[in-house]
Amino acid sequence: MSKGRATAVGFTAVLMWALLALFTAASGQVPPFQLAAMTFLVGGTIGLARMATRAEARAALRQPPVVWALGIGGLFGYHALYFTALRNAPPVEAGLIAYLWPLLIVVCSALLPGERLRVHHVAGALLGLGGAALIVTKGQSLSLDPAYATGYLAALGCAGTWTAYSLLSRRFSAVPTDTVTGFCLATSVLAAAAHLLVEETVWPDGTGEWLAVLALGLAPVGLAFYAWDFGCKHGDIQVLGASAYAAPLLSTLVLILAGYAGATWPVAGAALLISGGAALAAKDLIAGRAQPPG
């Protein structure tokens, strides 16, 4: 598969993450760790279904400890830190800090063998960050209160964790994407343990909420992680990083269409910034000058 097609596969993860807010809102009052345990179980089951018919998929789980540490640390570590940030800081500030990871991926990709960071990559990512800031803050001013330092640090750790997971996945490009099955199942177990320690169990109420949980597990917390793994390992990780800022924009548009939010000028401004930034970062691929996969 060409580098451009692998990048396109990775971008489908961004499209699926755009449904995260909608399905989460529709899932009712299920606590975060409980919801993570339920949805990652569904996501892991996707891989188990493939393993039932393919011996090579089952063999993919035989990996050294460092691979398991990277995968579980990335998936569970990101979500644990994100939930911690939201519990200890205002959601707007915490969310924006946590969403520094696309910019960090673009900038830190220069550390990977064979990658070269160019000005248009950084410029595209910065435009995307500006668009994401408009979406998250709704065009209002942003203030960081030292009283919420714990939450801010957790959000920064969240961004760093997903950046490290995405970039280091590239260093293990020979590890098949089927291993994500094990990462999802292990994350489900750890999230269930965290839920039992800090949360009260609240089950979905009615068929609609159960279907929302199932949809979360199938796409934003399921197939999306398989697609992102493949894209990071075989696609243009700088383009993926910059284009990831499309997720909050698309998520907001989905919420508007579903009647959960209204259209505003920050949404229009964010659309211009994010689409322009993604196009700028991907100009090499658009022009057909992308390097072949290594």
C-alpha atoms as a PDB file:
ATOM      1  CA  MET A   1       0.000   0.000   0.000  1.00  0.00           C
ATOM      2  CA  SER A   2       1.288   3.453  -0.911  1.00  0.00           C
ATOM      3  CA  LYS A   3       2.136   6.057   1.682  1.00  0.00           C
ATOM      4  CA  GLY A   4      -0.749   8.217   0.496  1.00  0.00           C
ATOM      5  CA  ARG A   5      -3.287   5.408   0.894  1.00  0.00           C
ATOM      6  CA  ALA A   6      -1.952   4.509   4.322  1.00  0.00           C
ATOM      7  CA  THR A   7      -2.334   8.158   5.302  1.00  0.00           C
ATOM      8  CA  ALA A   8      -5.930   8.039   4.079  1.00  0.00           C
ATOM      9  CA  VAL A   9      -6.547   4.971   6.246  1.00  0.00           C
ATOM     10  CA  GLY A  10      -5.137   6.841   9.235  1.00  0.00           C
ATOM     11  CA  PHE A  11      -7.370   9.825   8.506  1.00  0.00           C
ATOM     12  CA  THR A  12     -10.469   7.624   8.789  1.00  0.00           C
ATOM     13  CA  ALA A  13      -9.623   7.492  12.505  1.00  0.00           C
ATOM     14  CA  VAL A  14     -10.034  11.278  12.657  1.00  0.00           C
ATOM     15  CA  LEU A  15     -13.408  10.943  10.924  1.00  0.00           C
ATOM     16  CA  MET A  16     -14.514   8.342  13.453  1.00  0.00           C
ATOM     17  CA  TRP A  17     -13.273  10.433  16.405  1.00  0.00           C
ATOM     18  CA  ALA A  18     -15.569  13.175  15.110  1.00  0.00           C
ATOM     19  CA  LEU A  19     -18.468  10.972  16.282  1.00  0.00           C
ATOM     20  CA  LEU A  20     -17.076  10.610  19.796  1.00  0.00           C
ATOM     21  CA  ALA A  21     -18.886  13.585  21.343  1.00  0.00           C
ATOM     22  CA  LEU A  22     -22.237  12.702  19.733  1.00  0.00           C
ATOM     23  CA  PHE A  23     -22.226   9.068  20.838  1.00  0.00           C
ATOM     24  CA  THR A  24     -20.907   9.988  24.291  1.00  0.00           C
ATOM     25  CA  ALA A  25     -23.719  12.500  24.755  1.00  0.00           C
ATOM     26  CA  ALA A  26     -26.222   9.883  23.615  1.00  0.00           C
ATOM     27  CA  SER A  27     -24.853   7.246  26.012  1.00  0.00           C
ATOM     28  CA  GLY A  28     -26.402   8.914  29.058  1.00  0.00           C
ATOM     29  CA  GLN A  29     -24.815   9.193  32.477  1.00  0.00           C
ATOM     30  CA  VAL A  30     -22.372   6.274  32.304  1.00  0.00           C
ATOM     31  CA  PRO A  31     -19.196   7.286  34.251  1.00  0.00           C
ATOM     32  CA  PRO A  32     -16.034   7.826  32.147  1.00  0.00           C
ATOM     33  CA  PHE A  33     -13.977   4.818  33.276  1.00  0.00           C
ATOM     34  CA  GLN A  34     -16.992   2.523  33.088  1.00  0.00           C
ATOM     35  CA  LEU A  35     -17.733   3.805  29.587  1.00  0.00           C
ATOM     36  CA  ALA A  36     -14.104   3.241  28.596  1.00  0.00           C
ATOM     37  CA  ALA A  37     -14.212  -0.324  29.943  1.00  0.00           C
ATOM     38  CA  MET A  38     -17.403  -1.106  28.019  1.00  0.00           C
ATOM     39  CA  THR A  39     -16.354   0.495  24.729  1.00  0.00           C
ATOM     40  CA  PHE A  40     -12.800  -0.856  24.673  1.00  0.00           C
ATOM     41  CA  LEU A  41     -14.262  -4.314  25.255  1.00  0.00           C
ATOM     42  CA  VAL A  42     -16.338  -3.822  22.104  1.00  0.00           C
ATOM     43  CA  GLY A  43     -13.274  -2.511  20.264  1.00  0.00           C
ATOM     44  CA  GLY A  44     -11.243  -5.533  21.311  1.00  0.00           C
ATOM     45  CA  THR A  45     -14.010  -7.861  20.209  1.00  0.00           C
ATOM     46  CA  ILE A  46     -13.624  -6.503  16.667  1.00  0.00           C
ATOM     47  CA  GLY A  47     -10.102  -7.906  16.614  1.00  0.00           C
ATOM     48  CA  LEU A  48     -11.145 -11.155  18.255  1.00  0.00           C
ATOM     49  CA  ALA A  49     -13.616 -11.730  15.429  1.00  0.00           C
ATOM     50  CA  ARG A  50     -10.758 -11.449  12.930  1.00  0.00           C
ATOM     51  CA  MET A  51      -8.538 -13.701  15.020  1.00  0.00           C
ATOM     52  CA  ALA A  52     -11.195 -16.404  15.003  1.00  0.00           C
ATOM     53  CA  THR A  53     -10.598 -16.939  11.295  1.00  0.00           C
ATOM     54  CA  ARG A  54      -6.972 -15.864  10.750  1.00  0.00           C
ATOM     55  CA  ALA A  55      -4.019 -17.615  12.357  1.00  0.00           C
ATOM     56  CA  GLU A  56      -1.659 -14.740  11.523  1.00  0.00           C
ATOM     57  CA  ALA A  57      -3.904 -12.377  13.461  1.00  0.00           C
ATOM     58  CA  ARG A  58      -3.694 -14.601  16.539  1.00  0.00           C
ATOM     59  CA  ALA A  59       0.080 -14.772  16.159  1.00  0.00           C
ATOM     60  CA  ALA A  60       0.228 -10.969  16.259  1.00  0.00           C
ATOM     61  CA  LEU A  61      -0.379 -11.055  20.009  1.00  0.00           C
ATOM     62  CA  ARG A  62       2.993 -12.699  20.592  1.00  0.00           C
ATOM     63  CA  GLN A  63       4.983  -9.506  21.076  1.00  0.00           C
ATOM     64  CA  PRO A  64       7.800  -8.466  23.443  1.00  0.00           C
ATOM     65  CA  PRO A  65       6.912  -6.601  26.656  1.00  0.00           C
ATOM     66  CA  VAL A  66       8.009  -3.242  25.225  1.00  0.00           C
ATOM     67  CA  VAL A  67       5.293  -3.430  22.546  1.00  0.00           C
ATOM     68  CA  TRP A  68       2.637  -4.226  25.133  1.00  0.00           C
ATOM     69  CA  ALA A  69       3.875  -1.423  27.365  1.00  0.00           C
ATOM     70  CA  LEU A  70       3.660   1.046  24.483  1.00  0.00           C
ATOM     71  CA  GLY A  71       0.192  -0.006  23.378  1.00  0.00           C
ATOM     72  CA  ILE A  72      -1.442  -0.282  26.787  1.00  0.00           C
ATOM     73  CA  GLY A  73       0.368   2.800  28.074  1.00  0.00           C
ATOM     74  CA  GLY A  74      -0.844   4.759  25.055  1.00  0.00           C
ATOM     75  CA  LEU A  75      -4.491   3.756  25.111  1.00  0.00           C
ATOM     76  CA  PHE A  76      -5.113   3.462  28.837  1.00  0.00           C
ATOM     77  CA  GLY A  77      -2.586   6.129  29.847  1.00  0.00           C
ATOM     78  CA  TYR A  78      -4.134   8.714  27.537  1.00  0.00           C
ATOM     79  CA  HIS A  79      -7.667   8.120  28.779  1.00  0.00           C
ATOM     80  CA  ALA A  80      -6.698   7.938  32.451  1.00  0.00           C
ATOM     81  CA  LEU A  81      -4.845  11.251  32.229  1.00  0.00           C
ATOM     82  CA  TYR A  82      -7.655  12.838  30.223  1.00  0.00           C
ATOM     83  CA  PHE A  83     -10.276  11.882  32.788  1.00  0.00           C
ATOM     84  CA  THR A  84      -7.971  13.119  35.562  1.00  0.00           C
ATOM     85  CA  ALA A  85      -7.561  16.446  33.776  1.00  0.00           C
ATOM     86  CA  LEU A  86     -11.319  16.926  33.424  1.00  0.00           C
ATOM     87  CA  ARG A  87     -11.831  16.132  37.102  1.00  0.00           C
ATOM     88  CA  ASN A  88      -9.233  18.683  38.223  1.00  0.00           C
ATOM     89  CA  ALA A  89      -9.511  21.591  35.777  1.00  0.00           C
ATOM     90  CA  PRO A  90     -12.179  23.448  33.769  1.00  0.00           C
ATOM     91  CA  PRO A  91     -13.042  21.323  30.699  1.00  0.00           C
ATOM     92  CA  VAL A  92     -12.325  24.086  28.145  1.00  0.00           C
ATOM     93  CA  GLU A  93      -8.757  24.726  29.282  1.00  0.00           C
ATOM     94  CA  ALA A  94      -8.057  21.053  29.985  1.00  0.00           C
ATOM     95  CA  GLY A  95      -9.437  20.003  26.609  1.00  0.00           C
ATOM     96  CA  LEU A  96      -7.375  22.516  24.684  1.00  0.00           C
ATOM     97  CA  ILE A  97      -4.142  21.585  26.475  1.00  0.00           C
ATOM     98  CA  ALA A  98      -4.842  17.899  25.910  1.00  0.00           C
ATOM     99  CA  TYR A  99      -5.392  18.622  22.229  1.00  0.00           C
ATOM    100  CA  LEU A 100      -1.844  19.861  21.750  1.00  0.00           C
ATOM    101  CA  TRP A 101      -0.938  16.341  20.612  1.00  0.00           C
ATOM    102  CA  PRO A 102      -1.438  16.928  16.856  1.00  0.00           C
ATOM    103  CA  LEU A 103       1.011  19.842  16.963  1.00  0.00           C
ATOM    104  CA  LEU A 104       3.436  17.840  19.101  1.00  0.00           C
ATOM    105  CA  ILE A 105       3.265  14.941  16.646  1.00  0.00           C
ATOM    106  CA  VAL A 106       4.158  17.214  13.745  1.00  0.00           C
ATOM    107  CA  VAL A 107       7.038  18.927  15.558  1.00  0.00           C
ATOM    108  CA  CYS A 108       8.473  15.800  17.202  1.00  0.00           C
ATOM    109  CA  SER A 109       8.219  13.735  14.013  1.00  0.00           C
ATOM    110  CA  ALA A 110      11.583  15.249  13.043  1.00  0.00           C
ATOM    111  CA  LEU A 111      13.112  12.847  15.578  1.00  0.00           C
ATOM    112  CA  LEU A 112      12.005   9.818  13.524  1.00  0.00           C
ATOM    113  CA  PRO A 113      14.401   8.198  11.041  1.00  0.00           C
ATOM    114  CA  GLY A 114      13.727   9.275   7.470  1.00  0.00           C
ATOM    115  CA  GLU A 115      11.412  12.132   8.418  1.00  0.00           C
ATOM    116  CA  ARG A 116      12.139  15.759   7.623  1.00  0.00           C
ATOM    117  CA  LEU A 117      10.201  18.566   9.238  1.00  0.00           C
ATOM    118  CA  ARG A 118       9.424  21.456   6.919  1.00  0.00           C
ATOM    119  CA  VAL A 119       8.018  24.906   7.565  1.00  0.00           C
ATOM    120  CA  HIS A 120       4.686  24.120   5.930  1.00  0.00           C
ATOM    121  CA  HIS A 121       4.165  21.142   8.280  1.00  0.00           C
ATOM    122  CA  VAL A 122       4.538  23.356  11.351  1.00  0.00           C
ATOM    123  CA  ALA A 123       2.528  26.202   9.825  1.00  0.00           C
ATOM    124  CA  GLY A 124      -0.296  23.825   8.963  1.00  0.00           C
ATOM    125  CA  ALA A 125      -0.349  22.377  12.465  1.00  0.00           C
ATOM    126  CA  LEU A 126      -0.374  25.853  14.038  1.00  0.00           C
ATOM    127  CA  LEU A 127      -3.328  26.884  11.867  1.00  0.00           C
ATOM    128  CA  GLY A 128      -5.094  23.723  12.999  1.00  0.00           C
ATOM    129  CA  LEU A 129      -4.361  24.528  16.627  1.00  0.00           C
ATOM    130  CA  GLY A 130      -5.839  27.977  16.119  1.00  0.00           C
ATOM    131  CA  GLY A 131      -8.976  26.449  14.662  1.00  0.00           C
ATOM    132  CA  ALA A 132      -9.251  23.957  17.501  1.00  0.00           C
ATOM    133  CA  ALA A 133      -8.875  26.806  19.999  1.00  0.00           C
ATOM    134  CA  LEU A 134     -11.798  28.636  18.363  1.00  0.00           C
ATOM    135  CA  ILE A 135     -13.951  25.512  18.605  1.00  0.00           C
ATOM    136  CA  VAL A 136     -13.059  24.719  22.215  1.00  0.00           C
ATOM    137  CA  THR A 137     -13.243  28.278  23.582  1.00  0.00           C
ATOM    138  CA  LYS A 138     -16.179  29.368  21.351  1.00  0.00           C
ATOM    139  CA  GLY A 139     -14.218  32.539  20.640  1.00  0.00           C
ATOM    140  CA  GLN A 140     -14.005  33.520  24.294  1.00  0.00           C
ATOM    141  CA  SER A 141     -10.852  34.413  26.210  1.00  0.00           C
ATOM    142  CA  LEU A 142      -8.869  31.647  27.862  1.00  0.00           C
ATOM    143  CA  SER A 143      -7.416  31.909  31.359  1.00  0.00           C
ATOM    144  CA  LEU A 144      -5.222  29.471  33.235  1.00  0.00           C
ATOM    145  CA  ASP A 145      -5.746  29.495  36.994  1.00  0.00           C
ATOM    146  CA  PRO A 146      -2.813  28.100  39.052  1.00  0.00           C
ATOM    147  CA  ALA A 147      -5.398  26.520  41.363  1.00  0.00           C
ATOM    148  CA  TYR A 148      -6.042  23.962  38.616  1.00  0.00           C
ATOM    149  CA  ALA A 149      -2.369  23.124  38.079  1.00  0.00           C
ATOM    150  CA  THR A 150      -2.951  19.411  38.733  1.00  0.00           C
ATOM    151  CA  GLY A 151      -5.560  19.255  35.993  1.00  0.00           C
ATOM    152  CA  TYR A 152      -3.433  21.234  33.552  1.00  0.00           C
ATOM    153  CA  LEU A 153      -0.438  18.971  34.144  1.00  0.00           C
ATOM    154  CA  ALA A 154      -2.607  15.903  33.618  1.00  0.00           C
ATOM    155  CA  ALA A 155      -3.869  17.390  30.349  1.00  0.00           C
ATOM    156  CA  LEU A 156      -0.307  18.103  29.225  1.00  0.00           C
ATOM    157  CA  GLY A 157       0.641  14.541  30.169  1.00  0.00           C
ATOM    158  CA  CYS A 158      -2.320  13.373  28.140  1.00  0.00           C
ATOM    159  CA  ALA A 159      -1.036  15.204  25.058  1.00  0.00           C
ATOM    160  CA  GLY A 160       2.472  13.894  25.606  1.00  0.00           C
ATOM    161  CA  THR A 161       1.259  10.327  26.045  1.00  0.00           C
ATOM    162  CA  TRP A 162      -0.655  10.231  22.777  1.00  0.00           C
ATOM    163  CA  THR A 163       2.214  11.934  20.953  1.00  0.00           C
ATOM    164  CA  ALA A 164       4.692   9.359  22.239  1.00  0.00           C
ATOM    165  CA  TYR A 165       2.359   6.469  21.442  1.00  0.00           C
ATOM    166  CA  SER A 166       1.789   7.684  17.885  1.00  0.00           C
ATOM    167  CA  LEU A 167       5.446   8.424  17.117  1.00  0.00           C
ATOM    168  CA  LEU A 168       6.876   5.316  18.778  1.00  0.00           C
ATOM    169  CA  SER A 169       4.362   3.179  16.907  1.00  0.00           C
ATOM    170  CA  ARG A 170       6.300   4.234  13.804  1.00  0.00           C
ATOM    171  CA  ARG A 171       9.446   2.726  15.330  1.00  0.00           C
ATOM    172  CA  PHE A 172       7.564  -0.587  15.588  1.00  0.00           C
ATOM    173  CA  SER A 173       6.139  -0.532  12.076  1.00  0.00           C
ATOM    174  CA  ALA A 174       6.841  -4.263  11.673  1.00  0.00           C
ATOM    175  CA  VAL A 175       4.385  -5.047  14.485  1.00  0.00           C
ATOM    176  CA  PRO A 176       1.019  -5.858  12.855  1.00  0.00           C
ATOM    177  CA  THR A 177      -2.001  -3.723  13.592  1.00  0.00           C
ATOM    178  CA  ASP A 178      -3.789  -6.831  14.932  1.00  0.00           C
ATOM    179  CA  THR A 179      -1.936  -6.244  18.212  1.00  0.00           C
ATOM    180  CA  VAL A 180      -4.330  -3.341  18.856  1.00  0.00           C
ATOM    181  CA  THR A 181      -6.846  -6.057  19.782  1.00  0.00           C
ATOM    182  CA  GLY A 182      -4.785  -6.913  22.842  1.00  0.00           C
ATOM    183  CA  PHE A 183      -4.247  -3.252  23.695  1.00  0.00           C
ATOM    184  CA  CYS A 184      -8.011  -2.610  23.648  1.00  0.00           C
ATOM    185  CA  LEU A 185      -8.831  -5.629  25.812  1.00  0.00           C
ATOM    186  CA  ALA A 186      -6.106  -4.797  28.350  1.00  0.00           C
ATOM    187  CA  THR A 187      -7.296  -1.170  28.462  1.00  0.00           C
ATOM    188  CA  SER A 188     -10.834  -2.406  29.090  1.00  0.00           C
ATOM    189  CA  VAL A 189      -9.655  -4.457  32.077  1.00  0.00           C
ATOM    190  CA  LEU A 190      -7.648  -1.553  33.538  1.00  0.00           C
ATOM    191  CA  ALA A 191     -10.509   0.900  32.992  1.00  0.00           C
ATOM    192  CA  ALA A 192     -12.892  -1.507  34.740  1.00  0.00           C
ATOM    193  CA  ALA A 193     -10.521  -1.681  37.716  1.00  0.00           C
ATOM    194  CA  ALA A 194     -10.267   2.134  37.832  1.00  0.00           C
ATOM    195  CA  HIS A 195     -14.049   2.366  37.641  1.00  0.00           C
ATOM    196  CA  LEU A 196     -14.521   0.058  40.610  1.00  0.00           C
ATOM    197  CA  LEU A 197     -12.039   2.151  42.614  1.00  0.00           C
ATOM    198  CA  VAL A 198     -13.319   5.679  41.942  1.00  0.00           C
ATOM    199  CA  GLU A 199     -16.785   5.540  40.374  1.00  0.00           C
ATOM    200  CA  GLU A 200     -20.294   4.315  41.038  1.00  0.00           C
ATOM    201  CA  THR A 201     -21.760   2.051  38.381  1.00  0.00           C
ATOM    202  CA  VAL A 202     -24.470   3.586  36.195  1.00  0.00           C
ATOM    203  CA  TRP A 203     -25.811   1.435  33.358  1.00  0.00           C
ATOM    204  CA  PRO A 204     -27.216   2.877  30.116  1.00  0.00           C
ATOM    205  CA  ASP A 205     -30.936   3.587  30.301  1.00  0.00           C
ATOM    206  CA  GLY A 206     -32.911   2.247  27.377  1.00  0.00           C
ATOM    207  CA  THR A 207     -32.114   0.849  23.949  1.00  0.00           C
ATOM    208  CA  GLY A 208     -30.905   4.178  22.568  1.00  0.00           C
ATOM    209  CA  GLU A 209     -28.171   4.592  25.184  1.00  0.00           C
ATOM    210  CA  TRP A 210     -27.042   0.980  24.791  1.00  0.00           C
ATOM    211  CA  LEU A 211     -26.815   1.462  21.021  1.00  0.00           C
ATOM    212  CA  ALA A 212     -24.759   4.625  21.580  1.00  0.00           C
ATOM    213  CA  VAL A 213     -22.309   2.661  23.752  1.00  0.00           C
ATOM    214  CA  LEU A 214     -22.104  -0.038  21.073  1.00  0.00           C
ATOM    215  CA  ALA A 215     -21.504   2.576  18.377  1.00  0.00           C
ATOM    216  CA  LEU A 216     -18.741   4.132  20.474  1.00  0.00           C
ATOM    217  CA  GLY A 217     -17.020   0.768  20.786  1.00  0.00           C
ATOM    218  CA  LEU A 218     -17.355  -0.042  17.111  1.00  0.00           C
ATOM    219  CA  ALA A 219     -16.000   3.229  15.686  1.00  0.00           C
ATOM    220  CA  PRO A 220     -14.430   6.022  17.834  1.00  0.00           C
ATOM    221  CA  VAL A 221     -13.124   3.615  20.493  1.00  0.00           C
ATOM    222  CA  GLY A 222     -12.746   0.617  18.194  1.00  0.00           C
ATOM    223  CA  LEU A 223     -11.921   0.726  14.507  1.00  0.00           C
ATOM    224  CA  ALA A 224     -10.429   4.206  14.887  1.00  0.00           C
ATOM    225  CA  PHE A 225      -7.492   2.889  16.917  1.00  0.00           C
ATOM    226  CA  TYR A 226      -6.752   0.163  14.362  1.00  0.00           C
ATOM    227  CA  ALA A 227      -6.833   2.756  11.561  1.00  0.00           C
ATOM    228  CA  TRP A 228      -4.649   5.218  13.488  1.00  0.00           C
ATOM    229  CA  ASP A 229      -2.092   2.507  14.237  1.00  0.00           C
ATOM    230  CA  PHE A 230      -1.852   1.573  10.565  1.00  0.00           C
ATOM    231  CA  GLY A 231      -1.652   5.186   9.441  1.00  0.00           C
ATOM    232  CA  CYS A 232       1.055   6.106  11.946  1.00  0.00           C
ATOM    233  CA  LYS A 233       3.152   3.094  10.953  1.00  0.00           C
ATOM    234  CA  HIS A 234       2.873   3.327   7.180  1.00  0.00           C
ATOM    235  CA  GLY A 235       1.508   6.772   6.273  1.00  0.00           C
ATOM    236  CA  ASP A 236       2.678  10.387   6.427  1.00  0.00           C
ATOM    237  CA  ILE A 237       2.634  11.037  10.160  1.00  0.00           C
ATOM    238  CA  GLN A 238       3.148  14.785   9.750  1.00  0.00           C
ATOM    239  CA  VAL A 239       0.055  15.087   7.570  1.00  0.00           C
ATOM    240  CA  LEU A 240      -1.890  12.891   9.976  1.00  0.00           C
ATOM    241  CA  GLY A 241      -0.864  15.084  12.890  1.00  0.00           C
ATOM    242  CA  ALA A 242      -1.962  18.297  11.208  1.00  0.00           C
ATOM    243  CA  SER A 243      -5.188  16.792   9.846  1.00  0.00           C
ATOM    244  CA  ALA A 244      -6.138  15.495  13.306  1.00  0.00           C
ATOM    245  CA  TYR A 245      -7.302  19.017  14.145  1.00  0.00           C
ATOM    246  CA  ALA A 246     -10.266  18.279  11.881  1.00  0.00           C
ATOM    247  CA  ALA A 247     -11.718  16.051  14.625  1.00  0.00           C
ATOM    248  CA  PRO A 248     -13.019  18.842  16.935  1.00  0.00           C
ATOM    249  CA  LEU A 249     -14.385  20.755  13.957  1.00  0.00           C
ATOM    250  CA  LEU A 250     -16.160  17.754  12.465  1.00  0.00           C
ATOM    251  CA  SER A 251     -17.368  16.767  15.926  1.00  0.00           C
ATOM    252  CA  THR A 252     -18.943  20.191  16.383  1.00  0.00           C
ATOM    253  CA  LEU A 253     -20.562  20.032  12.935  1.00  0.00           C
ATOM    254  CA  VAL A 254     -22.028  16.618  13.781  1.00  0.00           C
ATOM    255  CA  LEU A 255     -23.412  18.005  17.051  1.00  0.00           C
ATOM    256  CA  ILE A 256     -24.957  20.936  15.158  1.00  0.00           C
ATOM    257  CA  LEU A 257     -26.614  18.593  12.656  1.00  0.00           C
ATOM    258  CA  ALA A 258     -27.869  16.403  15.491  1.00  0.00           C
ATOM    259  CA  GLY A 259     -29.348  19.399  17.291  1.00  0.00           C
ATOM    260  CA  TYR A 260     -26.961  19.354  20.264  1.00  0.00           C
ATOM    261  CA  ALA A 261     -25.290  22.680  19.327  1.00  0.00           C
ATOM    262  CA  GLY A 262     -25.855  25.774  17.202  1.00  0.00           C
ATOM    263  CA  ALA A 263     -23.841  27.210  14.312  1.00  0.00           C
ATOM    264  CA  THR A 264     -21.663  30.189  15.312  1.00  0.00           C
ATOM    265  CA  TRP A 265     -18.927  32.359  13.833  1.00  0.00           C
ATOM    266  CA  PRO A 266     -16.138  30.458  15.673  1.00  0.00           C
ATOM    267  CA  VAL A 267     -17.230  27.297  13.844  1.00  0.00           C
ATOM    268  CA  ALA A 268     -16.920  29.060  10.480  1.00  0.00           C
ATOM    269  CA  GLY A 269     -13.522  30.514  11.422  1.00  0.00           C
ATOM    270  CA  ALA A 270     -12.312  27.147  12.665  1.00  0.00           C
ATOM    271  CA  ALA A 271     -13.398  25.513   9.422  1.00  0.00           C
ATOM    272  CA  LEU A 272     -11.214  27.902   7.420  1.00  0.00           C
ATOM    273  CA  LEU A 273      -8.204  27.570   9.732  1.00  0.00           C
ATOM    274  CA  ILE A 274      -8.319  23.787  10.055  1.00  0.00           C
ATOM    275  CA  SER A 275      -9.018  23.020   6.402  1.00  0.00           C
ATOM    276  CA  GLY A 276      -6.355  25.492   5.304  1.00  0.00           C
ATOM    277  CA  GLY A 277      -3.852  24.110   7.789  1.00  0.00           C
ATOM    278  CA  ALA A 278      -4.462  20.521   6.738  1.00  0.00           C
ATOM    279  CA  ALA A 279      -4.112  21.411   3.060  1.00  0.00           C
ATOM    280  CA  LEU A 280      -0.878  23.291   3.760  1.00  0.00           C
ATOM    281  CA  ALA A 281       0.619  20.415   5.758  1.00  0.00           C
ATOM    282  CA  ALA A 282      -0.382  17.909   3.061  1.00  0.00           C
ATOM    283  CA  LYS A 283       0.768  19.937   0.074  1.00  0.00           C
ATOM    284  CA  ASP A 284       3.493  17.421  -0.802  1.00  0.00           C
ATOM    285  CA  LEU A 285       0.968  14.580  -0.960  1.00  0.00           C
ATOM    286  CA  ILE A 286      -1.517  16.722  -2.870  1.00  0.00           C
ATOM    287  CA  ALA A 287       1.167  17.609  -5.413  1.00  0.00           C
ATOM    288  CA  GLY A 288       2.149  13.964  -5.732  1.00  0.00           C
ATOM    289  CA  ARG A 289       5.660  14.455  -4.352  1.00  0.00           C
ATOM    290  CA  ALA A 290       5.313  12.224  -1.318  1.00  0.00           C
ATOM    291  CA  GLN A 291       8.119   9.814  -0.699  1.00  0.00           C
ATOM    292  CA  PRO A 292       7.377   6.085  -1.159  1.00  0.00           C
ATOM    293  CA  PRO A 293       6.860   4.093   2.025  1.00  0.00           C
ATOM    294  CA  GLY A 294      10.057   2.969   3.722  1.00  0.00           C
END
